[in-house]
Amino acid sequence: MGESDIQEEQEPLKAEYETNPEAAQITLSATGETEGDARSCSVDIGRAIYEAELHEGAGGPGGGACSGDLLLGALAACAQLTAQAVADSFGSDADISVEASGDLDLRGTMGVDDDVPVGFQDIRLEVAVDGDLDEGTRDALRKYTEKYCVVYQTLASPPSVETEWNFE
């Protein structure tokens, strides 16, 4: 998709959202359900189904994506797509790839040590840009990618999370 294609697709949406802010309000959802045994599940996002497993370091089979992989994958995808759209808006045909990685200590999620936090302690995002960009475009690419990447912003400034349990 070239630069004009993205801008052409987004222009009427932006105009609609400016005049009708309610149209910009969406709810995304995903459903996880048991798949096989307690170590795996299927995740249905409404447009695709992904298989997930416990990480082998937590007793899982180790052949599929764990939830941490899916989180990092969502960050990498969001950052890459956002960066590519930003680059396109500046008229650049740069080729952009993103790698997300994170460190966690499995003792937390396994309940081995209550002093060890559950979840990622550090997450890193490495963005590789192959293309001839002037310094101003490079700065704008960094700034706007981080500003407009939904997953990046969600992790950087987490929202409240509400849980509802329904026992049947």
Protein backbone atom coordinates (compact mmCIF):
# COMPACT_ATOMS: atom_id res chain seq x y z
CA MET A 1 0.00 0.00 0.00
CA GLY A 2 1.52 3.32 -0.99
CA GLU A 3 1.41 6.60 0.85
CA SER A 4 -1.61 7.95 -0.99
CA ASP A 5 -3.59 4.75 -0.39
CA ILE A 6 -3.32 5.02 3.41
CA GLN A 7 -4.08 8.73 3.39
CA GLU A 8 -6.98 8.25 0.98
CA GLU A 9 -8.44 5.54 3.21
CA GLN A 10 -7.99 7.57 6.40
CA GLU A 11 -9.20 11.01 5.22
CA PRO A 12 -12.94 10.24 5.20
CA LEU A 13 -12.59 8.40 8.52
CA LYS A 14 -10.84 11.37 10.13
CA ALA A 15 -13.49 13.73 8.77
CA GLU A 16 -16.24 11.49 10.17
CA TYR A 17 -14.56 11.28 13.59
CA GLU A 18 -14.20 15.07 13.75
CA THR A 19 -17.90 15.67 13.08
CA ASN A 20 -19.18 12.54 14.84
CA PRO A 21 -16.87 11.56 17.74
CA GLU A 22 -19.16 8.66 18.69
CA ALA A 23 -18.26 6.94 15.41
CA ALA A 24 -14.66 6.68 16.62
CA GLN A 25 -15.64 4.74 19.75
CA ILE A 26 -15.05 1.02 19.25
CA THR A 27 -14.77 -2.01 21.50
CA LEU A 28 -12.40 -4.81 20.62
CA SER A 29 -12.69 -8.17 22.32
CA ALA A 30 -11.00 -11.53 22.48
CA THR A 31 -12.19 -14.79 23.98
CA GLY A 32 -9.93 -17.48 25.41
CA GLU A 33 -11.32 -21.00 25.75
CA THR A 34 -9.83 -24.29 26.86
CA GLU A 35 -8.18 -26.18 24.03
CA GLY A 36 -7.08 -29.74 24.76
CA ASP A 37 -5.82 -29.52 28.33
CA ALA A 38 -5.11 -26.90 30.98
CA ARG A 39 -1.86 -25.93 29.26
CA SER A 40 -3.38 -24.54 26.05
CA CYS A 41 -6.26 -22.43 24.81
CA SER A 42 -7.68 -20.88 21.68
CA VAL A 43 -8.01 -17.12 21.44
CA ASP A 44 -10.76 -15.86 19.18
CA ILE A 45 -10.54 -12.20 18.20
CA GLY A 46 -13.57 -12.37 15.90
CA ARG A 47 -11.53 -12.27 12.69
CA ALA A 48 -9.00 -15.00 13.47
CA ILE A 49 -8.31 -17.71 16.02
CA TYR A 50 -4.88 -18.09 17.61
CA GLU A 51 -3.58 -20.97 19.67
CA ALA A 52 -1.80 -20.18 22.91
CA GLU A 53 0.04 -22.36 25.40
CA LEU A 54 1.69 -22.00 28.73
CA HIS A 55 5.39 -21.27 28.26
CA GLU A 56 7.51 -24.39 28.73
CA GLY A 57 9.15 -22.62 31.69
CA ALA A 58 5.70 -22.68 33.33
CA GLY A 59 4.94 -26.32 32.48
CA GLY A 60 3.59 -25.83 28.96
CA PRO A 61 4.47 -27.93 25.93
CA GLY A 62 6.70 -25.19 24.47
CA GLY A 63 5.62 -25.60 20.87
CA GLY A 64 3.24 -22.65 20.59
CA ALA A 65 3.00 -19.00 21.47
CA CYS A 66 2.59 -18.12 25.12
CA SER A 67 0.59 -15.10 26.26
CA GLY A 68 3.80 -13.07 26.61
CA ASP A 69 4.65 -13.85 22.98
CA LEU A 70 1.19 -12.65 21.95
CA LEU A 71 1.59 -9.42 23.94
CA LEU A 72 5.00 -8.72 22.38
CA GLY A 73 3.60 -9.66 18.96
CA ALA A 74 0.78 -7.16 19.39
CA LEU A 75 3.30 -4.47 20.33
CA ALA A 76 5.57 -5.27 17.37
CA ALA A 77 2.64 -5.32 14.93
CA CYS A 78 1.15 -2.09 16.22
CA ALA A 79 4.48 -0.25 16.23
CA GLN A 80 5.39 -1.47 12.74
CA LEU A 81 2.03 -0.55 11.23
CA THR A 82 1.99 2.83 12.97
CA ALA A 83 5.57 3.62 11.93
CA GLN A 84 4.86 2.59 8.34
CA ALA A 85 1.75 4.79 8.22
CA VAL A 86 3.67 7.71 9.71
CA ALA A 87 6.52 7.25 7.22
CA ASP A 88 4.02 7.08 4.36
CA SER A 89 2.37 10.31 5.54
CA PHE A 90 5.77 12.00 5.16
CA GLY A 91 6.10 10.64 1.63
CA SER A 92 8.73 8.08 2.56
CA ASP A 93 8.79 4.57 1.18
CA ALA A 94 11.14 3.42 3.95
CA ASP A 95 11.04 -0.26 4.86
CA ILE A 96 10.38 -0.63 8.59
CA SER A 97 10.73 -3.67 10.81
CA VAL A 98 10.15 -3.88 14.53
CA GLU A 99 11.33 -6.32 17.17
CA ALA A 100 9.75 -6.37 20.62
CA SER A 101 11.40 -8.27 23.45
CA GLY A 102 10.80 -8.45 27.15
CA ASP A 103 12.26 -9.84 30.35
CA LEU A 104 10.28 -11.63 32.99
CA ASP A 105 11.13 -13.85 35.94
CA LEU A 106 8.99 -16.99 35.94
CA ARG A 107 9.32 -17.32 39.72
CA GLY A 108 6.63 -14.61 40.00
CA THR A 109 3.96 -16.29 37.89
CA MET A 110 4.83 -19.71 39.31
CA GLY A 111 4.35 -18.48 42.90
CA VAL A 112 7.90 -19.49 43.85
CA ASP A 113 8.87 -16.11 45.30
CA ASP A 114 6.27 -13.57 46.42
CA ASP A 115 8.85 -10.77 46.11
CA VAL A 116 9.21 -11.35 42.36
CA PRO A 117 6.67 -9.39 40.30
CA VAL A 118 4.38 -11.25 37.94
CA GLY A 119 4.76 -10.06 34.36
CA PHE A 120 7.37 -8.29 32.31
CA GLN A 121 9.90 -6.23 34.22
CA ASP A 122 11.34 -4.67 31.05
CA ILE A 123 10.11 -4.39 27.47
CA ARG A 124 12.26 -3.21 24.60
CA LEU A 125 11.23 -2.10 21.13
CA GLU A 126 13.80 -2.00 18.35
CA VAL A 127 12.72 -0.24 15.16
CA ALA A 128 14.87 -0.67 12.06
CA VAL A 129 14.27 1.84 9.27
CA ASP A 130 15.75 1.17 5.85
CA GLY A 131 15.41 4.31 3.79
CA ASP A 132 16.87 7.73 3.20
CA LEU A 133 15.21 10.01 5.77
CA ASP A 134 16.35 13.49 6.75
CA GLU A 135 16.79 14.26 10.45
CA GLY A 136 13.46 16.06 10.75
CA THR A 137 11.57 13.10 9.28
CA ARG A 138 13.48 10.70 11.57
CA ASP A 139 12.50 12.75 14.62
CA ALA A 140 8.87 12.93 13.49
CA LEU A 141 8.82 9.19 12.79
CA ARG A 142 10.01 8.45 16.36
CA LYS A 143 7.67 10.97 17.96
CA TYR A 144 4.48 10.09 16.09
CA THR A 145 5.00 6.33 16.12
CA GLU A 146 5.27 6.34 19.91
CA LYS A 147 2.43 8.85 20.23
CA TYR A 148 -0.08 7.02 18.01
CA CYS A 149 0.77 3.34 18.59
CA VAL A 150 -2.19 1.99 20.60
CA VAL A 151 -0.38 -0.94 22.20
CA TYR A 152 2.71 1.15 23.04
CA GLN A 153 0.59 3.82 24.71
CA THR A 154 -1.49 1.20 26.55
CA LEU A 155 1.66 -0.34 28.01
CA ALA A 156 3.30 3.02 28.74
CA SER A 157 0.18 4.41 30.48
CA PRO A 158 -1.90 1.41 31.50
CA PRO A 159 -5.66 1.77 31.81
CA SER A 160 -7.61 0.39 34.73
CA VAL A 161 -8.58 -3.26 34.35
CA GLU A 162 -11.89 -4.50 35.69
CA THR A 163 -12.56 -8.19 36.22
CA GLU A 164 -15.97 -9.81 36.46
CA TRP A 165 -16.19 -13.45 37.53
CA ASN A 166 -19.24 -15.53 36.63
CA PHE A 167 -19.43 -18.94 38.26
CA GLU A 168 -21.95 -21.31 36.74
